[in-house]
Amino acid sequence: MNSVSHSAILSSQDGFVRRFLFPGFLIFSACFYSYRFLLGMGSPLTTVYDSDAPAWLRVLKDVVWLAVLLAGLVFSNAESRGFARLNRQAHTAFFRALFALVCLFVLMGALHLLYRQSTLDTFLYWIRYPLEYIPVAFFLPIFVLRWRPLVPMLLGLGWLSVAFLCFELFSGRQMGFYNRYGSILGSPNDYGVFCVLFIIGLLAYASEWSHWLLLPFMVCGLALTLSRSAFAGLLAGLCSLLYLRRARIGVLVGLVLLLSLAGLLIWKFPVVFAFEQVQFGLAHLSGLDVAVDNSTALRLYELRVFQSRFGGFDLAPLLLGTDYFHIESWYLALFVRTGIFGLLLWLVVMAATIVRGWRHRNLSQAHAFATSGLISICVASAFVPYPDTFPTNLYLWLAVGTIWMPVGREIRELAFV
């Protein structure tokens, strides 16, 4: 590896893995759940449809991911694998902490299984959902070294989601979830985060008119999701960009336009566009009989169950968690599954990643964007368990892996170790 120069490492970008395999999987991640609208199949938790797709179709994304990961490890060249190894060695403390988080999930899952936790629940909520895409953070240098060549493809995905959203809106079919739209990602919450990532990236780094043209469409897409978690994530992500003058101007102009548009829409279409409480109030004043989204009531019920499990401050639940039950907040879900140790370790991993990204935000656009995106997902996860849901969990670990890629002088130091 001593003889491998920086340019030689970067030149390996044109390999099969980076030019075709990884971009293809990114396209697949955004398009996979389009079957929900196209085939009229989807979980009642996230769509209007009564029945989900068959198991083989839902598991297909996991098979594809395992194939992509295996192909990446097998077909990548020696320089790429060496670069990934050197990157892990340069940040040993972080990657050990991340590996410890993986081990803790597996250990807690095994303990819960011994105490007669459902085998399926253990596999899904301790192994598959939270851990499936963590390998991206460990092996990202194998799949991508420079994000800039992928920008045209990513912008194309943004336009594709807009086209699919328009197809939903004007198809005449029943769609969305409580008058919410999920576009090509199939879920309003995940599409909301998808729009947030595009809004942050375009607001910070758009350089051509075609980039700026996409921005209002993604804002409209976010508005149509009515995803409160995504709105909170956007606010946090934008706050992390306020050190950029163009971002401050864009946020100011965007807020004025967004508030004006939101006020007009809520005034003209209160039943469709308002949140549950506002919607109920306006409908009541209008004399309308409206069936509203009851997610607020469900979350209050989940909090009461959580308080009943941990309210006594018994040592065993605090350290080991409790039997699985569904709760929307990712951080409370972590407490349920892994106890206080898992929650603290997760916070340490994410905090260390955000601090590193913030320190290098002026050296690399990729690091700056990944940091703001990660902050958005972390904040949004306080309301929805995004680290459990595809493809947002994939994007989360892509952001983590990007932030821990070398930047500035670190590249030269690694290249000549």
Protein backbone atom coordinates (compact mmCIF):
# COMPACT_ATOMS: atom_id res chain seq x y z
CA MET A 1 0.00 0.00 0.00
CA ASN A 2 3.02 2.32 0.48
CA SER A 3 3.43 2.55 -3.27
CA VAL A 4 -0.16 3.51 -3.94
CA SER A 5 -0.53 7.22 -4.56
CA HIS A 6 -3.57 9.34 -3.89
CA SER A 7 -4.38 9.57 -7.60
CA ALA A 8 -4.07 5.83 -8.01
CA ILE A 9 -6.59 5.25 -5.24
CA LEU A 10 -9.04 7.71 -6.68
CA SER A 11 -8.60 6.29 -10.17
CA SER A 12 -10.12 3.02 -8.96
CA GLN A 13 -13.45 4.92 -8.91
CA ASP A 14 -14.06 3.72 -12.47
CA GLY A 15 -14.35 0.07 -11.43
CA PHE A 16 -17.44 -2.08 -11.77
CA VAL A 17 -18.40 -1.72 -8.11
CA ARG A 18 -18.34 2.07 -8.07
CA ARG A 19 -19.60 2.77 -11.57
CA PHE A 20 -22.43 0.26 -11.80
CA LEU A 21 -23.08 -1.84 -8.69
CA PHE A 22 -23.36 0.88 -6.05
CA PRO A 23 -25.27 3.43 -8.20
CA GLY A 24 -27.61 0.64 -9.26
CA PHE A 25 -28.35 -0.19 -5.63
CA LEU A 26 -29.04 3.47 -4.82
CA ILE A 27 -31.60 3.52 -7.64
CA PHE A 28 -33.06 0.27 -6.37
CA SER A 29 -33.35 1.67 -2.82
CA ALA A 30 -35.43 4.62 -4.01
CA CYS A 31 -37.63 2.63 -6.39
CA PHE A 32 -38.24 -0.62 -4.50
CA TYR A 33 -41.37 0.39 -2.60
CA SER A 34 -43.05 1.83 -5.70
CA TYR A 35 -44.84 -1.54 -5.84
CA ARG A 36 -47.07 -0.29 -2.99
CA PHE A 37 -48.85 2.12 -5.28
CA LEU A 38 -48.36 0.25 -8.54
CA LEU A 39 -49.66 -3.07 -7.17
CA GLY A 40 -51.95 -1.73 -4.44
CA MET A 41 -50.03 -3.55 -1.71
CA GLY A 42 -48.61 -2.23 1.52
CA SER A 43 -48.67 -2.42 5.29
CA PRO A 44 -51.74 -0.69 6.77
CA LEU A 45 -49.29 1.11 9.09
CA THR A 46 -47.89 3.14 6.19
CA THR A 47 -50.42 2.94 3.34
CA VAL A 48 -54.16 2.89 2.71
CA TYR A 49 -53.98 -0.73 1.56
CA ASP A 50 -55.38 -3.49 3.73
CA SER A 51 -52.77 -6.15 2.99
CA ASP A 52 -49.04 -6.12 2.50
CA ALA A 53 -47.09 -7.64 -0.36
CA PRO A 54 -46.17 -11.33 -0.20
CA ALA A 55 -43.19 -12.19 1.97
CA TRP A 56 -40.95 -13.07 -0.98
CA LEU A 57 -41.40 -9.59 -2.44
CA ARG A 58 -40.74 -7.79 0.83
CA VAL A 59 -37.63 -9.90 1.46
CA LEU A 60 -36.30 -9.26 -2.04
CA LYS A 61 -34.60 -6.03 -0.97
CA ASP A 62 -32.64 -7.93 1.69
CA VAL A 63 -31.50 -10.52 -0.83
CA VAL A 64 -30.44 -7.78 -3.24
CA TRP A 65 -28.52 -5.95 -0.51
CA LEU A 66 -26.66 -9.10 0.57
CA ALA A 67 -25.79 -9.78 -3.07
CA VAL A 68 -24.54 -6.21 -3.53
CA LEU A 69 -22.46 -6.36 -0.34
CA LEU A 70 -20.94 -9.72 -1.28
CA ALA A 71 -20.24 -8.61 -4.86
CA GLY A 72 -18.64 -5.41 -3.59
CA LEU A 73 -16.30 -7.33 -1.30
CA VAL A 74 -15.46 -9.91 -3.95
CA PHE A 75 -15.05 -7.73 -7.04
CA SER A 76 -13.42 -4.66 -5.50
CA ASN A 77 -9.71 -4.39 -6.17
CA ALA A 78 -6.94 -4.66 -3.60
CA GLU A 79 -6.45 -0.89 -3.42
CA SER A 80 -10.09 -0.33 -2.46
CA ARG A 81 -10.06 -2.98 0.24
CA GLY A 82 -6.77 -1.64 1.54
CA PHE A 83 -8.15 1.88 1.59
CA ALA A 84 -11.20 0.75 3.57
CA ARG A 85 -8.96 -1.10 6.03
CA LEU A 86 -6.68 1.92 6.48
CA ASN A 87 -9.69 4.15 7.01
CA ARG A 88 -10.91 1.89 9.84
CA GLN A 89 -7.44 1.78 11.35
CA ALA A 90 -7.22 5.58 11.29
CA HIS A 91 -10.44 5.82 13.34
CA THR A 92 -10.07 2.74 15.51
CA ALA A 93 -11.97 4.10 18.53
CA PHE A 94 -15.07 4.97 16.51
CA PHE A 95 -15.26 1.73 14.56
CA ARG A 96 -14.72 -0.27 17.74
CA ALA A 97 -17.61 1.60 19.34
CA LEU A 98 -19.75 0.89 16.28
CA PHE A 99 -18.81 -2.79 16.39
CA ALA A 100 -19.65 -2.81 20.12
CA LEU A 101 -23.10 -1.44 19.25
CA VAL A 102 -23.61 -4.31 16.81
CA CYS A 103 -22.51 -6.85 19.44
CA LEU A 104 -24.80 -5.27 22.03
CA PHE A 105 -27.84 -5.62 19.77
CA VAL A 106 -26.98 -9.26 19.12
CA LEU A 107 -26.37 -9.97 22.82
CA MET A 108 -29.57 -8.30 23.95
CA GLY A 109 -31.49 -10.12 21.25
CA ALA A 110 -30.12 -13.43 22.49
CA LEU A 111 -31.04 -12.58 26.09
CA HIS A 112 -34.56 -11.60 25.11
CA LEU A 113 -34.87 -14.81 23.11
CA LEU A 114 -33.93 -16.82 26.21
CA TYR A 115 -36.71 -15.08 28.10
CA ARG A 116 -39.27 -16.33 25.56
CA GLN A 117 -39.33 -13.29 23.36
CA SER A 118 -40.77 -14.13 19.94
CA THR A 119 -38.08 -15.51 17.64
CA LEU A 120 -39.40 -13.47 14.72
CA ASP A 121 -39.54 -10.27 16.77
CA THR A 122 -36.00 -10.87 18.01
CA PHE A 123 -34.67 -11.35 14.50
CA LEU A 124 -36.52 -8.34 13.11
CA TYR A 125 -36.10 -5.75 15.84
CA TRP A 126 -32.72 -6.68 17.28
CA ILE A 127 -30.92 -7.91 14.15
CA ARG A 128 -32.43 -7.25 10.74
CA TYR A 129 -33.93 -3.77 11.00
CA PRO A 130 -31.26 -1.92 13.02
CA LEU A 131 -28.14 -3.75 11.83
CA GLU A 132 -28.73 -4.69 8.19
CA TYR A 133 -27.06 -1.63 6.62
CA ILE A 134 -24.37 -0.90 9.22
CA PRO A 135 -21.78 -2.64 6.95
CA VAL A 136 -22.08 0.42 4.70
CA ALA A 137 -20.27 2.47 7.34
CA PHE A 138 -17.47 -0.10 7.64
CA PHE A 139 -16.93 -0.67 3.92
CA LEU A 140 -18.05 2.56 2.23
CA PRO A 141 -14.62 3.21 0.61
CA ILE A 142 -15.15 0.00 -1.37
CA PHE A 143 -18.34 1.38 -2.90
CA VAL A 144 -17.61 5.10 -3.30
CA LEU A 145 -14.66 7.45 -2.85
CA ARG A 146 -16.09 10.55 -4.49
CA TRP A 147 -19.77 11.49 -4.45
CA ARG A 148 -19.55 14.17 -7.13
CA PRO A 149 -19.72 11.72 -10.11
CA LEU A 150 -22.99 10.38 -8.66
CA VAL A 151 -24.70 13.79 -8.43
CA PRO A 152 -26.41 13.59 -11.89
CA MET A 153 -27.85 10.20 -11.02
CA LEU A 154 -29.04 11.44 -7.63
CA LEU A 155 -30.70 14.47 -9.21
CA GLY A 156 -32.38 12.10 -11.66
CA LEU A 157 -33.82 10.17 -8.70
CA GLY A 158 -35.20 13.42 -7.36
CA TRP A 159 -36.96 14.18 -10.64
CA LEU A 160 -38.19 10.58 -10.83
CA SER A 161 -39.79 10.93 -7.39
CA VAL A 162 -41.48 14.17 -8.52
CA ALA A 163 -42.85 12.46 -11.64
CA PHE A 164 -44.15 9.55 -9.55
CA LEU A 165 -45.74 11.97 -7.09
CA CYS A 166 -47.55 13.71 -9.95
CA PHE A 167 -48.69 10.29 -11.17
CA GLU A 168 -50.13 9.63 -7.69
CA LEU A 169 -51.83 13.01 -7.51
CA PHE A 170 -53.54 12.87 -10.88
CA SER A 171 -54.14 9.14 -11.32
CA GLY A 172 -57.63 9.22 -9.87
CA ARG A 173 -56.83 6.27 -7.61
CA GLN A 174 -57.08 6.24 -3.84
CA MET A 175 -53.58 6.81 -2.54
CA GLY A 176 -51.53 8.18 0.28
CA PHE A 177 -52.09 7.54 3.96
CA TYR A 178 -54.65 9.80 5.65
CA ASN A 179 -54.34 12.13 2.64
CA ARG A 180 -50.55 11.89 2.76
CA TYR A 181 -48.38 10.94 -0.18
CA GLY A 182 -45.33 8.69 -0.29
CA SER A 183 -44.34 9.00 -3.96
CA ILE A 184 -41.92 6.37 -5.20
CA LEU A 185 -40.73 5.47 -1.68
CA GLY A 186 -44.20 4.23 -0.75
CA SER A 187 -44.26 5.76 2.75
CA PRO A 188 -45.03 9.42 3.56
CA ASN A 189 -42.47 9.50 6.37
CA ASP A 190 -39.62 8.01 4.35
CA TYR A 191 -40.42 10.19 1.36
CA GLY A 192 -40.50 13.16 3.72
CA VAL A 193 -36.92 12.44 4.81
CA PHE A 194 -35.96 11.83 1.18
CA CYS A 195 -37.26 15.32 0.33
CA VAL A 196 -35.46 16.80 3.34
CA LEU A 197 -32.12 15.42 2.15
CA PHE A 198 -32.68 16.89 -1.30
CA ILE A 199 -33.76 20.26 0.10
CA ILE A 200 -30.65 20.48 2.27
CA GLY A 201 -28.31 19.45 -0.53
CA LEU A 202 -29.86 21.76 -3.12
CA LEU A 203 -30.09 24.70 -0.76
CA ALA A 204 -26.43 24.38 0.20
CA TYR A 205 -24.80 23.40 -3.10
CA ALA A 206 -27.13 24.00 -6.07
CA SER A 207 -25.08 25.63 -8.83
CA GLU A 208 -27.22 25.39 -11.98
CA TRP A 209 -30.74 26.49 -12.85
CA SER A 210 -31.87 22.88 -13.17
CA HIS A 211 -30.82 22.30 -9.55
CA TRP A 212 -32.80 25.31 -8.35
CA LEU A 213 -35.78 24.18 -10.40
CA LEU A 214 -35.90 20.88 -8.52
CA LEU A 215 -35.88 22.59 -5.11
CA PRO A 216 -39.51 23.89 -5.06
CA PHE A 217 -40.78 20.51 -6.27
CA MET A 218 -39.05 18.77 -3.36
CA VAL A 219 -40.49 21.35 -0.95
CA CYS A 220 -43.97 20.66 -2.33
CA GLY A 221 -43.29 16.93 -2.05
CA LEU A 222 -42.36 17.35 1.61
CA ALA A 223 -45.51 19.38 2.24
CA LEU A 224 -47.69 16.66 0.70
CA THR A 225 -46.22 14.01 2.99
CA LEU A 226 -47.50 15.89 6.06
CA SER A 227 -44.68 14.15 7.94
CA ARG A 228 -44.13 15.98 11.21
CA SER A 229 -40.95 14.03 11.87
CA ALA A 230 -39.56 15.10 8.50
CA PHE A 231 -40.52 18.73 9.20
CA ALA A 232 -38.63 18.56 12.50
CA GLY A 233 -35.67 16.97 10.74
CA LEU A 234 -35.66 19.69 8.09
CA LEU A 235 -35.64 22.41 10.76
CA ALA A 236 -32.67 20.79 12.49
CA GLY A 237 -30.81 20.24 9.23
CA LEU A 238 -31.35 23.83 8.12
CA CYS A 239 -30.10 25.12 11.46
CA SER A 240 -26.87 23.21 10.87
CA LEU A 241 -26.46 25.05 7.54
CA LEU A 242 -26.90 28.59 8.83
CA TYR A 243 -23.14 29.18 8.75
CA LEU A 244 -23.58 29.41 4.95
CA ARG A 245 -24.79 32.82 3.74
CA ARG A 246 -26.67 31.31 0.79
CA ALA A 247 -28.41 28.94 3.19
CA ARG A 248 -29.51 31.82 5.44
CA ILE A 249 -30.96 33.71 2.49
CA GLY A 250 -32.59 30.57 1.12
CA VAL A 251 -34.10 29.68 4.50
CA LEU A 252 -35.53 33.20 4.90
CA VAL A 253 -37.05 33.25 1.42
CA GLY A 254 -38.25 29.66 1.77
CA LEU A 255 -39.92 30.29 5.13
CA VAL A 256 -41.84 33.27 3.78
CA LEU A 257 -43.01 31.32 0.74
CA LEU A 258 -43.74 28.15 2.71
CA LEU A 259 -45.73 29.89 5.41
CA SER A 260 -47.69 31.79 2.80
CA LEU A 261 -48.42 28.61 0.84
CA ALA A 262 -49.26 26.61 3.97
CA GLY A 263 -51.63 29.29 5.21
CA LEU A 264 -53.40 29.42 1.86
CA LEU A 265 -53.72 25.64 1.59
CA ILE A 266 -54.97 25.19 5.15
CA TRP A 267 -57.49 27.98 4.62
CA LYS A 268 -58.77 26.59 1.33
CA PHE A 269 -58.42 22.84 2.04
CA PRO A 270 -58.46 22.35 5.84
CA VAL A 271 -59.60 18.72 5.67
CA VAL A 272 -56.70 17.65 3.46
CA PHE A 273 -53.73 19.68 4.59
CA ALA A 274 -54.05 20.40 8.32
CA PHE A 275 -52.59 18.29 11.09
CA GLU A 276 -54.97 16.23 13.20
CA GLN A 277 -55.71 18.81 15.90
CA VAL A 278 -56.02 21.74 13.48
CA GLN A 279 -57.91 19.59 11.02
CA PHE A 280 -60.38 18.48 13.68
CA GLY A 281 -60.91 22.02 14.91
CA LEU A 282 -61.46 23.51 11.47
CA ALA A 283 -63.70 20.63 10.44
CA HIS A 284 -65.73 21.04 13.62
CA LEU A 285 -66.16 24.75 12.97
CA SER A 286 -67.18 23.97 9.39
CA GLY A 287 -69.72 21.38 10.52
CA LEU A 288 -67.89 18.57 8.72
CA ASP A 289 -67.67 14.97 9.90
CA VAL A 290 -64.03 14.12 9.40
CA ALA A 291 -62.16 10.89 10.17
CA VAL A 292 -58.75 12.08 11.25
CA ASP A 293 -55.42 10.34 11.65
CA ASN A 294 -55.29 8.84 15.14
CA SER A 295 -51.50 8.52 15.30
CA THR A 296 -51.33 11.04 18.16
CA ALA A 297 -53.63 8.90 20.29
CA LEU A 298 -51.61 5.79 19.43
CA ARG A 299 -48.36 7.46 20.46
CA LEU A 300 -49.85 8.59 23.75
CA TYR A 301 -50.88 4.98 24.37
CA GLU A 302 -47.35 3.81 23.54
CA LEU A 303 -45.93 6.29 26.06
CA ARG A 304 -48.28 4.99 28.74
CA VAL A 305 -47.09 1.43 28.05
CA PHE A 306 -43.49 2.64 28.20
CA GLN A 307 -44.11 4.32 31.55
CA SER A 308 -45.70 1.16 32.91
CA ARG A 309 -42.62 -0.88 31.91
CA PHE A 310 -40.00 1.54 33.28
CA GLY A 311 -41.91 3.67 35.79
CA GLY A 312 -40.83 1.56 38.74
CA PHE A 313 -37.13 2.09 37.97
CA ASP A 314 -36.43 -1.62 38.32
CA LEU A 315 -32.79 -2.39 37.63
CA ALA A 316 -33.37 -5.27 35.18
CA PRO A 317 -35.47 -3.32 32.61
CA LEU A 318 -33.15 -0.33 32.85
CA LEU A 319 -30.12 -2.48 32.04
CA LEU A 320 -31.62 -5.09 29.70
CA GLY A 321 -34.78 -3.55 28.27
CA THR A 322 -38.15 -5.31 28.19
CA ASP A 323 -40.21 -7.53 25.93
CA TYR A 324 -40.78 -5.96 22.54
CA PHE A 325 -43.71 -3.64 22.01
CA HIS A 326 -44.12 -1.11 19.24
CA ILE A 327 -43.17 2.46 20.07
CA GLU A 328 -42.55 5.13 17.45
CA SER A 329 -39.69 7.06 19.02
CA TRP A 330 -36.42 5.39 18.03
CA TYR A 331 -34.72 6.43 21.26
CA LEU A 332 -37.43 4.94 23.44
CA ALA A 333 -37.40 1.84 21.21
CA LEU A 334 -33.65 1.57 21.85
CA PHE A 335 -34.32 1.71 25.57
CA VAL A 336 -36.87 -1.08 25.22
CA ARG A 337 -34.56 -3.32 23.20
CA THR A 338 -31.12 -2.68 24.70
CA GLY A 339 -31.61 -0.83 27.96
CA ILE A 340 -29.64 2.22 29.00
CA PHE A 341 -26.34 0.89 27.61
CA GLY A 342 -27.64 0.62 24.05
CA LEU A 343 -29.18 4.08 24.17
CA LEU A 344 -25.99 5.67 25.52
CA LEU A 345 -23.77 3.84 23.04
CA TRP A 346 -25.98 4.92 20.13
CA LEU A 347 -25.85 8.54 21.31
CA VAL A 348 -22.05 8.35 21.63
CA VAL A 349 -21.67 6.95 18.10
CA MET A 350 -23.93 9.57 16.55
CA ALA A 351 -22.55 12.46 18.58
CA ALA A 352 -18.96 11.55 17.67
CA THR A 353 -19.94 11.34 14.00
CA ILE A 354 -21.71 14.71 14.02
CA VAL A 355 -18.80 16.38 15.83
CA ARG A 356 -16.34 15.04 13.27
CA GLY A 357 -18.54 16.14 10.37
CA TRP A 358 -18.96 19.60 11.86
CA ARG A 359 -15.19 20.01 12.25
CA HIS A 360 -14.61 19.13 8.59
CA ARG A 361 -17.64 20.91 7.10
CA ASN A 362 -15.46 23.58 5.45
CA LEU A 363 -13.05 21.05 3.94
CA SER A 364 -15.51 18.80 2.13
CA GLN A 365 -18.98 19.40 0.71
CA ALA A 366 -19.73 15.70 1.10
CA HIS A 367 -18.90 15.85 4.82
CA ALA A 368 -20.96 19.03 5.30
CA PHE A 369 -24.00 17.57 3.54
CA ALA A 370 -23.69 14.21 5.30
CA THR A 371 -23.52 15.98 8.66
CA SER A 372 -26.66 18.03 8.04
CA GLY A 373 -28.43 14.97 6.66
CA LEU A 374 -27.45 12.88 9.67
CA ILE A 375 -28.65 15.58 12.06
CA SER A 376 -31.98 15.65 10.21
CA ILE A 377 -32.45 11.89 10.43
CA CYS A 378 -31.41 11.78 14.11
CA VAL A 379 -33.92 14.47 15.04
CA ALA A 380 -36.67 12.92 12.92
CA SER A 381 -35.98 9.56 14.60
CA ALA A 382 -37.25 10.99 17.88
CA PHE A 383 -40.74 10.63 16.35
CA VAL A 384 -40.41 7.71 13.90
CA PRO A 385 -37.98 4.74 14.14
CA TYR A 386 -36.16 5.57 10.91
CA PRO A 387 -33.10 3.37 11.70
CA ASP A 388 -35.56 0.48 11.35
CA THR A 389 -37.10 1.53 8.02
CA PHE A 390 -35.73 1.07 4.51
CA PRO A 391 -34.40 3.07 2.71
CA THR A 392 -33.90 5.77 5.37
CA ASN A 393 -31.76 3.42 7.47
CA LEU A 394 -29.53 2.92 4.42
CA TYR A 395 -29.17 6.70 3.99
CA LEU A 396 -28.36 7.08 7.69
CA TRP A 397 -25.42 4.69 7.51
CA LEU A 398 -24.28 6.17 4.21
CA ALA A 399 -24.07 9.53 5.99
CA VAL A 400 -22.11 7.99 8.87
CA GLY A 401 -19.72 6.24 6.52
CA THR A 402 -19.20 9.40 4.47
CA ILE A 403 -18.37 11.49 7.53
CA TRP A 404 -15.72 8.99 8.63
CA MET A 405 -14.09 8.97 5.21
CA PRO A 406 -10.72 10.77 5.19
CA VAL A 407 -10.66 14.44 4.28
CA GLY A 408 -7.95 17.03 3.72
CA ARG A 409 -4.55 15.94 4.96
CA GLU A 410 -5.97 12.64 6.19
CA ILE A 411 -6.14 11.40 2.58
CA ARG A 412 -2.45 11.93 1.96
CA GLU A 413 -1.52 10.39 5.30
CA LEU A 414 -3.57 7.29 4.54
CA ALA A 415 -2.36 7.04 0.97
CA PHE A 416 1.26 6.82 2.01
CA VAL A 417 0.98 4.79 5.24
